[in-house]
Amino acid sequence: MKKIFVGFALAALSASSFAANTHGPAGCGLGTEVVFRDANEWHEHVLAATTNGTSGNQTFGITSGTLGCQDAGGPLAADVNSFIDANLEQIAADTARGDGETLQALAEVIGIEQADQPHFKAQMQANFDTLFPGEQTTSGQTYNGVVTVMAKDAALSKYLG
């Protein structure tokens, strides 16, 4: 029973971290969109986040694109940011080498065509310092770096929404 609870808690935290990336301090979900719609005080944000995380509606909202959990309109799909967040260290290692399963998977999540994937990998490696500016680089910084590198490249800019 304890393992099930821990697993549920980790899943809820994972969903909450995705939702909080672009949807404010409480993340997306029923608590934010309906119950505490105009939350301004810290305790309202806490209650909204608790409602979002404990009722399971945040996971539903992320999966279905409802309850304020739809893509926030970034140049790449929301699942790209989630993928980077979940695989940041391995992406850094693969990017330094210019190849690897995780870098390949990132290209596929972005939607890079097979013919452009070697160029994508080469550009990611050549711009490693843009993607990973320091030891404490966050997934958001890496995401922004990927967008920046792709935007400056004629062959890759077509993949930006």
N, C-alpha and C. Protein backbone atom coordinates (compact mmCIF):
# COMPACT_ATOMS: atom_id res chain seq x y z
N MET A 1 0.83 -1.19 0.00
CA MET A 1 0.00 0.00 0.00
C MET A 1 0.87 1.26 0.00
N LYS A 2 1.97 1.21 0.75
CA LYS A 2 2.86 2.36 0.83
C LYS A 2 3.48 2.65 -0.53
N LYS A 3 3.85 1.59 -1.27
CA LYS A 3 4.45 1.78 -2.59
C LYS A 3 3.46 2.42 -3.56
N ILE A 4 2.19 2.04 -3.45
CA ILE A 4 1.16 2.61 -4.32
C ILE A 4 1.02 4.10 -4.02
N PHE A 5 0.98 4.44 -2.73
CA PHE A 5 0.85 5.84 -2.35
C PHE A 5 2.05 6.65 -2.85
N VAL A 6 3.25 6.14 -2.68
CA VAL A 6 4.46 6.84 -3.13
C VAL A 6 4.42 7.02 -4.64
N GLY A 7 4.01 5.97 -5.35
CA GLY A 7 3.91 6.06 -6.80
C GLY A 7 2.91 7.12 -7.23
N PHE A 8 1.76 7.16 -6.55
CA PHE A 8 0.74 8.16 -6.86
C PHE A 8 1.27 9.57 -6.57
N ALA A 9 1.95 9.71 -5.45
CA ALA A 9 2.49 11.02 -5.08
C ALA A 9 3.52 11.50 -6.10
N LEU A 10 4.39 10.61 -6.55
CA LEU A 10 5.39 10.99 -7.55
C LEU A 10 4.73 11.35 -8.87
N ALA A 11 3.71 10.62 -9.27
CA ALA A 11 2.98 10.94 -10.50
C ALA A 11 2.32 12.31 -10.39
N ALA A 12 1.74 12.60 -9.25
CA ALA A 12 1.08 13.89 -9.05
C ALA A 12 2.10 15.03 -9.08
N LEU A 13 3.25 14.82 -8.44
CA LEU A 13 4.29 15.84 -8.47
C LEU A 13 4.83 16.05 -9.87
N SER A 14 4.99 14.98 -10.62
CA SER A 14 5.46 15.08 -11.99
C SER A 14 4.48 15.88 -12.83
N ALA A 15 3.21 15.57 -12.72
CA ALA A 15 2.20 16.32 -13.46
C ALA A 15 2.17 17.77 -13.01
N SER A 16 2.33 18.00 -11.71
CA SER A 16 2.30 19.35 -11.19
C SER A 16 3.48 20.16 -11.70
N SER A 17 4.65 19.56 -11.81
CA SER A 17 5.81 20.30 -12.29
C SER A 17 5.63 20.69 -13.75
N PHE A 18 5.01 19.81 -14.55
CA PHE A 18 4.74 20.17 -15.94
C PHE A 18 3.77 21.34 -15.98
N ALA A 19 2.69 21.23 -15.24
CA ALA A 19 1.64 22.23 -15.28
C ALA A 19 2.13 23.58 -14.78
N ALA A 20 2.99 23.57 -13.78
CA ALA A 20 3.47 24.83 -13.21
C ALA A 20 4.44 25.55 -14.12
N ASN A 21 5.05 24.84 -15.08
CA ASN A 21 6.02 25.47 -15.96
C ASN A 21 5.45 26.66 -16.70
N THR A 22 4.21 26.58 -17.17
CA THR A 22 3.66 27.66 -17.97
C THR A 22 2.30 28.13 -17.49
N HIS A 23 1.81 27.63 -16.38
CA HIS A 23 0.46 27.95 -15.95
C HIS A 23 0.39 28.60 -14.58
N GLY A 24 1.41 29.25 -14.13
CA GLY A 24 1.37 29.94 -12.86
C GLY A 24 1.71 29.06 -11.68
N PRO A 25 1.63 29.62 -10.47
CA PRO A 25 2.10 28.90 -9.30
C PRO A 25 1.28 27.67 -8.92
N ALA A 26 0.01 27.62 -9.26
CA ALA A 26 -0.83 26.48 -8.88
C ALA A 26 -0.94 25.46 -10.01
N GLY A 27 -0.39 25.74 -11.17
CA GLY A 27 -0.53 24.83 -12.29
C GLY A 27 -1.91 24.92 -12.89
N CYS A 28 -2.20 24.05 -13.82
CA CYS A 28 -3.52 24.04 -14.45
C CYS A 28 -4.40 23.04 -13.73
N GLY A 29 -5.70 23.10 -13.98
CA GLY A 29 -6.61 22.14 -13.39
C GLY A 29 -7.87 22.80 -12.85
N LEU A 30 -8.74 22.00 -12.27
CA LEU A 30 -10.02 22.45 -11.75
C LEU A 30 -9.85 23.52 -10.68
N GLY A 31 -8.86 23.35 -9.80
CA GLY A 31 -8.63 24.33 -8.74
C GLY A 31 -8.28 25.70 -9.28
N THR A 32 -7.53 25.76 -10.36
CA THR A 32 -7.11 27.02 -10.96
C THR A 32 -8.18 27.60 -11.86
N GLU A 33 -8.81 26.75 -12.66
CA GLU A 33 -9.74 27.22 -13.68
C GLU A 33 -11.16 27.46 -13.18
N VAL A 34 -11.58 26.78 -12.10
CA VAL A 34 -12.97 26.89 -11.65
C VAL A 34 -13.07 27.33 -10.20
N VAL A 35 -12.50 26.57 -9.29
CA VAL A 35 -12.70 26.81 -7.86
C VAL A 35 -12.02 28.09 -7.40
N PHE A 36 -10.75 28.30 -7.75
CA PHE A 36 -9.99 29.48 -7.32
C PHE A 36 -9.54 30.27 -8.54
N ARG A 37 -10.46 30.60 -9.41
CA ARG A 37 -10.17 31.23 -10.69
C ARG A 37 -9.38 32.54 -10.54
N ASP A 38 -9.74 33.37 -9.57
CA ASP A 38 -9.10 34.68 -9.40
C ASP A 38 -8.18 34.69 -8.18
N ALA A 39 -7.41 33.64 -8.00
CA ALA A 39 -6.53 33.54 -6.84
C ALA A 39 -5.45 34.61 -6.89
N ASN A 40 -5.33 35.36 -5.80
CA ASN A 40 -4.30 36.38 -5.69
C ASN A 40 -3.41 36.18 -4.47
N GLU A 41 -3.96 35.58 -3.45
CA GLU A 41 -3.24 35.39 -2.20
C GLU A 41 -2.51 34.05 -2.21
N TRP A 42 -1.44 33.95 -1.44
CA TRP A 42 -0.63 32.73 -1.41
C TRP A 42 -1.46 31.52 -0.97
N HIS A 43 -2.34 31.71 0.00
CA HIS A 43 -3.13 30.58 0.50
C HIS A 43 -4.14 30.10 -0.55
N GLU A 44 -4.62 31.00 -1.40
CA GLU A 44 -5.51 30.59 -2.49
C GLU A 44 -4.75 29.75 -3.52
N HIS A 45 -3.51 30.12 -3.79
CA HIS A 45 -2.68 29.34 -4.72
C HIS A 45 -2.40 27.95 -4.14
N VAL A 46 -2.15 27.89 -2.85
CA VAL A 46 -1.90 26.60 -2.19
C VAL A 46 -3.14 25.72 -2.29
N LEU A 47 -4.31 26.29 -2.00
CA LEU A 47 -5.55 25.52 -2.08
C LEU A 47 -5.85 25.09 -3.53
N ALA A 48 -5.59 25.97 -4.48
CA ALA A 48 -5.81 25.62 -5.89
C ALA A 48 -4.88 24.49 -6.30
N ALA A 49 -3.59 24.58 -5.91
CA ALA A 49 -2.63 23.53 -6.25
C ALA A 49 -3.00 22.22 -5.58
N THR A 50 -3.46 22.28 -4.34
CA THR A 50 -3.89 21.07 -3.63
C THR A 50 -5.08 20.43 -4.34
N THR A 51 -6.04 21.25 -4.73
CA THR A 51 -7.21 20.75 -5.47
C THR A 51 -6.77 20.12 -6.79
N ASN A 52 -5.88 20.80 -7.50
CA ASN A 52 -5.40 20.28 -8.79
C ASN A 52 -4.68 18.95 -8.62
N GLY A 53 -3.82 18.87 -7.63
CA GLY A 53 -2.98 17.68 -7.47
C GLY A 53 -3.67 16.49 -6.84
N THR A 54 -4.58 16.72 -5.91
CA THR A 54 -5.16 15.60 -5.18
C THR A 54 -6.41 15.02 -5.81
N SER A 55 -7.09 15.78 -6.63
CA SER A 55 -8.33 15.26 -7.21
C SER A 55 -8.10 14.51 -8.51
N GLY A 56 -6.90 14.53 -9.04
CA GLY A 56 -6.60 13.80 -10.27
C GLY A 56 -7.03 14.54 -11.52
N ASN A 57 -7.58 15.74 -11.37
CA ASN A 57 -8.06 16.45 -12.55
C ASN A 57 -6.93 17.08 -13.35
N GLN A 58 -5.81 17.34 -12.70
CA GLN A 58 -4.69 17.93 -13.41
C GLN A 58 -4.14 16.97 -14.45
N THR A 59 -3.99 15.71 -14.07
CA THR A 59 -3.52 14.70 -15.01
C THR A 59 -4.50 14.57 -16.17
N PHE A 60 -5.80 14.56 -15.86
CA PHE A 60 -6.82 14.51 -16.91
C PHE A 60 -6.70 15.73 -17.82
N GLY A 61 -6.54 16.91 -17.23
CA GLY A 61 -6.45 18.14 -18.01
C GLY A 61 -5.24 18.15 -18.92
N ILE A 62 -4.11 17.66 -18.43
CA ILE A 62 -2.90 17.61 -19.24
C ILE A 62 -3.09 16.65 -20.41
N THR A 63 -3.69 15.50 -20.13
CA THR A 63 -3.91 14.49 -21.16
C THR A 63 -4.91 14.96 -22.21
N SER A 64 -5.98 15.61 -21.75
CA SER A 64 -7.06 15.98 -22.67
C SER A 64 -6.92 17.40 -23.22
N GLY A 65 -6.02 18.20 -22.65
CA GLY A 65 -5.87 19.57 -23.11
C GLY A 65 -6.98 20.48 -22.63
N THR A 66 -7.62 20.13 -21.50
CA THR A 66 -8.70 20.94 -20.94
C THR A 66 -8.26 21.53 -19.61
N LEU A 67 -9.15 22.24 -18.95
CA LEU A 67 -8.92 22.82 -17.61
C LEU A 67 -7.70 23.73 -17.57
N GLY A 68 -7.43 24.43 -18.68
CA GLY A 68 -6.30 25.33 -18.73
C GLY A 68 -4.97 24.66 -18.96
N CYS A 69 -4.97 23.37 -19.29
CA CYS A 69 -3.73 22.61 -19.46
C CYS A 69 -3.34 22.47 -20.93
N GLN A 70 -4.01 23.16 -21.82
CA GLN A 70 -3.65 23.06 -23.22
C GLN A 70 -2.32 23.74 -23.46
N ASP A 71 -1.73 23.46 -24.57
CA ASP A 71 -0.43 24.03 -24.92
C ASP A 71 -0.49 25.55 -24.78
N ALA A 72 0.51 26.09 -24.12
CA ALA A 72 0.53 27.52 -23.86
C ALA A 72 0.92 28.35 -25.08
N GLY A 73 1.08 27.73 -26.23
CA GLY A 73 1.33 28.48 -27.45
C GLY A 73 2.80 28.69 -27.74
N GLY A 74 3.68 27.92 -27.14
CA GLY A 74 5.10 28.04 -27.44
C GLY A 74 5.39 27.55 -28.84
N PRO A 75 6.58 27.80 -29.33
CA PRO A 75 6.90 27.42 -30.70
C PRO A 75 7.00 25.91 -30.90
N LEU A 76 7.20 25.14 -29.84
CA LEU A 76 7.24 23.69 -29.94
C LEU A 76 6.10 23.12 -29.10
N ALA A 77 5.68 21.92 -29.41
CA ALA A 77 4.58 21.29 -28.67
C ALA A 77 4.93 21.14 -27.19
N ALA A 78 3.90 21.12 -26.35
CA ALA A 78 4.08 21.02 -24.91
C ALA A 78 4.84 19.76 -24.51
N ASP A 79 4.68 18.68 -25.26
CA ASP A 79 5.35 17.44 -24.90
C ASP A 79 6.86 17.53 -25.07
N VAL A 80 7.35 18.49 -25.87
CA VAL A 80 8.79 18.69 -26.01
C VAL A 80 9.37 19.18 -24.69
N ASN A 81 8.71 20.15 -24.08
CA ASN A 81 9.18 20.67 -22.79
C ASN A 81 9.15 19.58 -21.73
N SER A 82 8.10 18.77 -21.72
CA SER A 82 8.00 17.67 -20.76
C SER A 82 9.12 16.65 -20.99
N PHE A 83 9.42 16.36 -22.25
CA PHE A 83 10.47 15.40 -22.57
C PHE A 83 11.83 15.92 -22.10
N ILE A 84 12.09 17.19 -22.37
CA ILE A 84 13.36 17.79 -21.93
C ILE A 84 13.46 17.76 -20.41
N ASP A 85 12.37 18.09 -19.74
CA ASP A 85 12.35 18.10 -18.28
C ASP A 85 12.66 16.72 -17.71
N ALA A 86 12.11 15.69 -18.32
CA ALA A 86 12.28 14.32 -17.81
C ALA A 86 13.64 13.72 -18.17
N ASN A 87 14.32 14.27 -19.17
CA ASN A 87 15.55 13.65 -19.67
C ASN A 87 16.72 14.62 -19.77
N LEU A 88 16.72 15.66 -18.97
CA LEU A 88 17.70 16.75 -19.12
C LEU A 88 19.15 16.27 -19.08
N GLU A 89 19.50 15.46 -18.10
CA GLU A 89 20.90 15.03 -17.98
C GLU A 89 21.36 14.18 -19.17
N GLN A 90 20.51 13.28 -19.62
CA GLN A 90 20.88 12.43 -20.75
C GLN A 90 20.92 13.23 -22.05
N ILE A 91 20.03 14.22 -22.18
CA ILE A 91 20.07 15.09 -23.36
C ILE A 91 21.39 15.85 -23.38
N ALA A 92 21.84 16.32 -22.21
CA ALA A 92 23.12 17.04 -22.14
C ALA A 92 24.26 16.13 -22.56
N ALA A 93 24.28 14.91 -22.07
CA ALA A 93 25.35 13.97 -22.43
C ALA A 93 25.33 13.66 -23.92
N ASP A 94 24.15 13.39 -24.47
CA ASP A 94 24.04 13.08 -25.90
C ASP A 94 24.39 14.29 -26.77
N THR A 95 23.99 15.48 -26.33
CA THR A 95 24.28 16.69 -27.09
C THR A 95 25.78 16.93 -27.14
N ALA A 96 26.46 16.70 -26.04
CA ALA A 96 27.93 16.87 -26.01
C ALA A 96 28.60 15.94 -27.02
N ARG A 97 28.06 14.72 -27.19
CA ARG A 97 28.60 13.76 -28.15
C ARG A 97 28.09 14.00 -29.57
N GLY A 98 26.93 14.67 -29.69
CA GLY A 98 26.33 14.90 -31.00
C GLY A 98 25.51 13.73 -31.50
N ASP A 99 25.24 12.77 -30.63
CA ASP A 99 24.45 11.60 -31.02
C ASP A 99 24.03 10.85 -29.75
N GLY A 100 23.09 9.96 -29.91
CA GLY A 100 22.62 9.16 -28.79
C GLY A 100 21.11 8.99 -28.84
N GLU A 101 20.64 8.01 -28.09
CA GLU A 101 19.22 7.67 -28.11
C GLU A 101 18.33 8.83 -27.65
N THR A 102 18.74 9.54 -26.63
CA THR A 102 17.89 10.60 -26.10
C THR A 102 17.85 11.79 -27.04
N LEU A 103 18.97 12.13 -27.65
CA LEU A 103 18.99 13.22 -28.63
C LEU A 103 18.16 12.82 -29.86
N GLN A 104 18.26 11.57 -30.25
CA GLN A 104 17.44 11.04 -31.35
C GLN A 104 15.95 11.14 -30.99
N ALA A 105 15.61 10.75 -29.77
CA ALA A 105 14.22 10.81 -29.32
C ALA A 105 13.73 12.26 -29.28
N LEU A 106 14.58 13.20 -28.86
CA LEU A 106 14.21 14.61 -28.85
C LEU A 106 13.88 15.07 -30.26
N ALA A 107 14.70 14.71 -31.21
CA ALA A 107 14.44 15.07 -32.61
C ALA A 107 13.08 14.53 -33.06
N GLU A 108 12.78 13.31 -32.66
CA GLU A 108 11.50 12.70 -33.05
C GLU A 108 10.32 13.37 -32.35
N VAL A 109 10.48 13.73 -31.06
CA VAL A 109 9.41 14.41 -30.34
C VAL A 109 9.13 15.77 -30.98
N ILE A 110 10.17 16.46 -31.39
CA ILE A 110 10.01 17.76 -32.05
C ILE A 110 9.35 17.58 -33.41
N GLY A 111 9.61 16.45 -34.06
CA GLY A 111 9.05 16.20 -35.38
C GLY A 111 10.04 16.45 -36.51
N ILE A 112 11.32 16.40 -36.19
CA ILE A 112 12.36 16.59 -37.20
C ILE A 112 12.31 15.41 -38.18
N GLU A 113 12.23 15.71 -39.46
CA GLU A 113 12.21 14.66 -40.48
C GLU A 113 13.53 13.91 -40.50
N GLN A 114 13.48 12.67 -40.89
CA GLN A 114 14.66 11.79 -40.92
C GLN A 114 15.84 12.44 -41.64
N ALA A 115 15.57 13.09 -42.78
CA ALA A 115 16.64 13.70 -43.57
C ALA A 115 17.32 14.85 -42.84
N ASP A 116 16.59 15.53 -41.95
CA ASP A 116 17.15 16.67 -41.23
C ASP A 116 17.74 16.31 -39.87
N GLN A 117 17.58 15.08 -39.43
CA GLN A 117 18.04 14.71 -38.09
C GLN A 117 19.56 14.81 -37.91
N PRO A 118 20.39 14.39 -38.88
CA PRO A 118 21.83 14.58 -38.68
C PRO A 118 22.21 16.06 -38.52
N HIS A 119 21.56 16.92 -39.30
CA HIS A 119 21.82 18.36 -39.19
C HIS A 119 21.36 18.89 -37.83
N PHE A 120 20.19 18.42 -37.38
CA PHE A 120 19.67 18.82 -36.06
C PHE A 120 20.68 18.45 -34.97
N LYS A 121 21.15 17.22 -34.99
CA LYS A 121 22.11 16.76 -33.97
C LYS A 121 23.39 17.57 -34.02
N ALA A 122 23.87 17.86 -35.23
CA ALA A 122 25.10 18.64 -35.38
C ALA A 122 24.92 20.05 -34.83
N GLN A 123 23.76 20.66 -35.09
CA GLN A 123 23.49 22.01 -34.59
C GLN A 123 23.36 22.02 -33.07
N MET A 124 22.74 21.00 -32.53
CA MET A 124 22.62 20.93 -31.07
C MET A 124 24.01 20.81 -30.44
N GLN A 125 24.86 19.97 -31.02
CA GLN A 125 26.22 19.81 -30.49
C GLN A 125 27.02 21.10 -30.64
N ALA A 126 26.93 21.74 -31.79
CA ALA A 126 27.68 22.97 -32.04
C ALA A 126 27.24 24.11 -31.12
N ASN A 127 26.01 24.04 -30.65
CA ASN A 127 25.47 25.09 -29.78
C ASN A 127 25.23 24.61 -28.36
N PHE A 128 26.06 23.69 -27.92
CA PHE A 128 25.92 23.12 -26.57
C PHE A 128 25.84 24.19 -25.50
N ASP A 129 26.69 25.22 -25.60
CA ASP A 129 26.71 26.27 -24.58
C ASP A 129 25.44 27.10 -24.56
N THR A 130 24.73 27.17 -25.66
CA THR A 130 23.45 27.86 -25.70
C THR A 130 22.38 27.02 -25.01
N LEU A 131 22.45 25.70 -25.20
CA LEU A 131 21.46 24.79 -24.62
C LEU A 131 21.69 24.56 -23.14
N PHE A 132 22.96 24.55 -22.75
CA PHE A 132 23.34 24.26 -21.36
C PHE A 132 24.34 25.31 -20.90
N PRO A 133 23.84 26.52 -20.56
CA PRO A 133 24.74 27.63 -20.24
C PRO A 133 25.50 27.50 -18.93
N GLY A 134 25.12 26.58 -18.07
CA GLY A 134 25.82 26.42 -16.81
C GLY A 134 25.50 25.10 -16.15
N GLU A 135 26.15 24.88 -15.03
CA GLU A 135 25.96 23.62 -14.31
C GLU A 135 24.55 23.45 -13.77
N GLN A 136 23.90 24.54 -13.44
CA GLN A 136 22.55 24.49 -12.88
C GLN A 136 21.47 24.80 -13.93
N THR A 137 21.73 24.46 -15.17
CA THR A 137 20.79 24.71 -16.25
C THR A 137 19.46 24.00 -15.99
N THR A 138 18.37 24.72 -16.20
CA THR A 138 17.04 24.14 -16.03
C THR A 138 16.53 23.63 -17.38
N SER A 139 15.49 22.81 -17.31
CA SER A 139 14.89 22.31 -18.55
C SER A 139 14.29 23.46 -19.36
N GLY A 140 13.79 24.47 -18.69
CA GLY A 140 13.24 25.64 -19.39
C GLY A 140 14.31 26.39 -20.18
N GLN A 141 15.51 26.52 -19.59
CA GLN A 141 16.61 27.17 -20.30
C GLN A 141 17.02 26.34 -21.52
N THR A 142 17.05 25.03 -21.36
CA THR A 142 17.41 24.16 -22.48
C THR A 142 16.36 24.25 -23.58
N TYR A 143 15.08 24.21 -23.19
CA TYR A 143 14.00 24.36 -24.16
C TYR A 143 14.17 25.66 -24.95
N ASN A 144 14.38 26.76 -24.23
CA ASN A 144 14.56 28.06 -24.90
C ASN A 144 15.79 28.05 -25.80
N GLY A 145 16.85 27.37 -25.37
CA GLY A 145 18.05 27.25 -26.20
C GLY A 145 17.78 26.48 -27.48
N VAL A 146 17.03 25.39 -27.39
CA VAL A 146 16.67 24.60 -28.57
C VAL A 146 15.89 25.48 -29.55
N VAL A 147 14.92 26.23 -29.03
CA VAL A 147 14.11 27.11 -29.88
C VAL A 147 15.01 28.17 -30.54
N THR A 148 15.92 28.75 -29.78
CA THR A 148 16.83 29.78 -30.31
C THR A 148 17.70 29.22 -31.42
N VAL A 149 18.30 28.06 -31.19
CA VAL A 149 19.17 27.44 -32.20
C VAL A 149 18.37 27.11 -33.46
N MET A 150 17.19 26.53 -33.28
CA MET A 150 16.37 26.16 -34.43
C MET A 150 15.89 27.39 -35.20
N ALA A 151 15.57 28.48 -34.50
CA ALA A 151 15.07 29.69 -35.15
C ALA A 151 16.13 30.33 -36.02
N LYS A 152 17.39 30.19 -35.64
CA LYS A 152 18.50 30.80 -36.39
C LYS A 152 18.95 29.95 -37.57
N ASP A 153 18.42 28.75 -37.71
CA ASP A 153 18.85 27.82 -38.76
C ASP A 153 17.74 27.65 -39.79
N ALA A 154 18.04 27.92 -41.04
CA ALA A 154 17.03 27.87 -42.10
C ALA A 154 16.41 26.49 -42.24
N ALA A 155 17.20 25.43 -42.10
CA ALA A 155 16.69 24.08 -42.26
C ALA A 155 15.85 23.63 -41.07
N LEU A 156 16.10 24.19 -39.89
CA LEU A 156 15.38 23.76 -38.69
C LEU A 156 14.23 24.68 -38.29
N SER A 157 14.26 25.92 -38.74
CA SER A 157 13.23 26.88 -38.35
C SER A 157 11.84 26.47 -38.83
N LYS A 158 11.78 25.66 -39.87
CA LYS A 158 10.47 25.22 -40.37
C LYS A 158 9.73 24.33 -39.39
N TYR A 159 10.43 23.79 -38.39
CA TYR A 159 9.80 22.91 -37.40
C TYR A 159 9.20 23.66 -36.22
N LEU A 160 9.43 24.96 -36.17
CA LEU A 160 8.86 25.78 -35.11
C LEU A 160 7.44 26.15 -35.51
N GLY A 161 6.51 25.95 -34.58
CA GLY A 161 5.09 26.18 -34.86
C GLY A 161 4.80 27.59 -35.15
